[in-house]
């Protein structure tokens, strides 16, 4: 740690085992594999249920995107919402 200029003095920890999965900026972090991933929203809709702009916007905005990590995954639903708005769909 000294080589990287991290001078840690009187450093201890409680000995409590940390969790494998941590929440970080709206994402999940697997500390064992050192991987970030996101959990998509659970959409419970009947086949006959009408998809409204309100429902679509609610689903799209439920995906946390604080650091832009999920931008590629949220682009298509946002474009779909934009198209529905332009065409004045319900």
Protein backbone atom coordinates (compact mmCIF):
# COMPACT_ATOMS: atom_id res chain seq x y z
CA UNK A 1 0.00 0.00 0.00
CA UNK A 2 2.92 2.32 0.61
CA UNK A 3 4.04 2.09 -3.03
CA UNK A 4 0.69 3.44 -4.19
CA UNK A 5 0.84 6.26 -1.58
CA UNK A 6 -1.95 4.79 0.51
CA UNK A 7 -0.66 5.32 4.01
CA UNK A 8 -3.09 3.49 6.26
CA UNK A 9 -2.43 3.74 9.97
CA UNK A 10 -4.47 2.15 12.76
CA UNK A 11 -6.56 0.31 10.20
CA UNK A 12 -8.69 -2.58 11.43
CA UNK A 13 -11.92 -4.23 10.52
CA UNK A 14 -14.61 -5.91 12.55
CA UNK A 15 -14.00 -9.36 11.16
CA UNK A 16 -17.60 -9.55 9.98
CA UNK A 17 -17.83 -11.47 6.73
CA UNK A 18 -18.92 -9.18 3.95
CA UNK A 19 -21.75 -10.02 1.62
CA UNK A 20 -20.93 -11.42 -1.80
CA UNK A 21 -23.41 -9.09 -3.51
CA UNK A 22 -23.27 -5.36 -2.77
CA UNK A 23 -25.52 -2.55 -4.00
CA UNK A 24 -23.45 0.17 -5.69
CA UNK A 25 -25.04 3.18 -7.45
CA UNK A 26 -28.18 1.25 -8.35
CA UNK A 27 -26.19 -1.70 -9.68
CA UNK A 28 -25.27 -5.03 -8.14
CA UNK A 29 -21.60 -5.83 -7.52
CA UNK A 30 -20.46 -9.42 -7.11
CA UNK A 31 -17.40 -8.91 -4.89
CA UNK A 32 -16.17 -12.48 -5.37
CA UNK A 33 -16.10 -12.33 -9.19
CA UNK A 34 -15.62 -8.53 -9.25
CA UNK A 35 -18.46 -8.05 -11.74
CA UNK A 36 -21.10 -5.34 -12.05
CA UNK A 37 -24.59 -6.17 -13.28
CA UNK A 38 -28.07 -4.73 -13.16
CA UNK A 39 -31.35 -6.37 -12.32
CA UNK A 40 -34.14 -5.44 -14.70
CA UNK A 41 -37.62 -4.53 -13.53
CA UNK A 42 -40.11 -7.31 -12.96
CA UNK A 43 -43.01 -6.63 -15.30
CA UNK A 44 -46.23 -8.41 -14.39
CA UNK A 45 -48.74 -7.86 -17.16
CA UNK A 46 -51.58 -9.92 -18.51
CA UNK A 47 -51.60 -10.69 -22.24
CA UNK A 48 -54.85 -8.73 -22.63
CA UNK A 49 -53.61 -5.69 -20.65
CA UNK A 50 -53.20 -2.50 -22.67
CA UNK A 51 -49.71 -1.00 -22.59
CA UNK A 52 -50.11 2.72 -21.96
CA UNK A 53 -47.51 5.48 -22.16
CA UNK A 54 -47.72 5.76 -18.38
CA UNK A 55 -46.97 2.05 -17.93
CA UNK A 56 -44.11 2.17 -20.45
CA UNK A 57 -42.58 5.26 -18.84
CA UNK A 58 -42.88 3.67 -15.40
CA UNK A 59 -41.02 0.55 -16.52
CA UNK A 60 -38.27 2.44 -18.36
CA UNK A 61 -37.66 4.84 -15.47
CA UNK A 62 -37.52 2.04 -12.90
CA UNK A 63 -34.10 1.07 -14.30
CA UNK A 64 -31.43 2.94 -12.34
CA UNK A 65 -28.82 4.55 -14.57
CA UNK A 66 -26.75 6.77 -12.30
CA UNK A 67 -23.43 6.34 -14.09
CA UNK A 68 -24.64 5.50 -17.60
CA UNK A 69 -23.85 1.80 -17.23
CA UNK A 70 -27.26 0.69 -18.48
CA UNK A 71 -27.66 3.29 -21.25
CA UNK A 72 -27.42 0.76 -24.11
CA UNK A 73 -30.15 -1.36 -22.51
CA UNK A 74 -32.51 1.57 -21.88
CA UNK A 75 -32.12 3.27 -25.26
CA UNK A 76 -34.57 1.08 -27.19
CA UNK A 77 -37.43 1.38 -24.63
CA UNK A 78 -36.92 5.16 -24.52
CA UNK A 79 -37.07 5.34 -28.32
CA UNK A 80 -40.23 3.21 -28.21
CA UNK A 81 -41.76 5.65 -25.73
CA UNK A 82 -40.76 8.59 -27.93
CA UNK A 83 -42.37 6.97 -30.97
CA UNK A 84 -45.58 6.27 -29.01
CA UNK A 85 -45.68 9.92 -27.94
CA UNK A 86 -45.17 11.17 -31.52
CA UNK A 87 -47.95 8.93 -32.82
CA UNK A 88 -50.25 9.97 -29.94
CA UNK A 89 -50.82 6.37 -28.87
CA UNK A 90 -52.59 5.62 -25.58
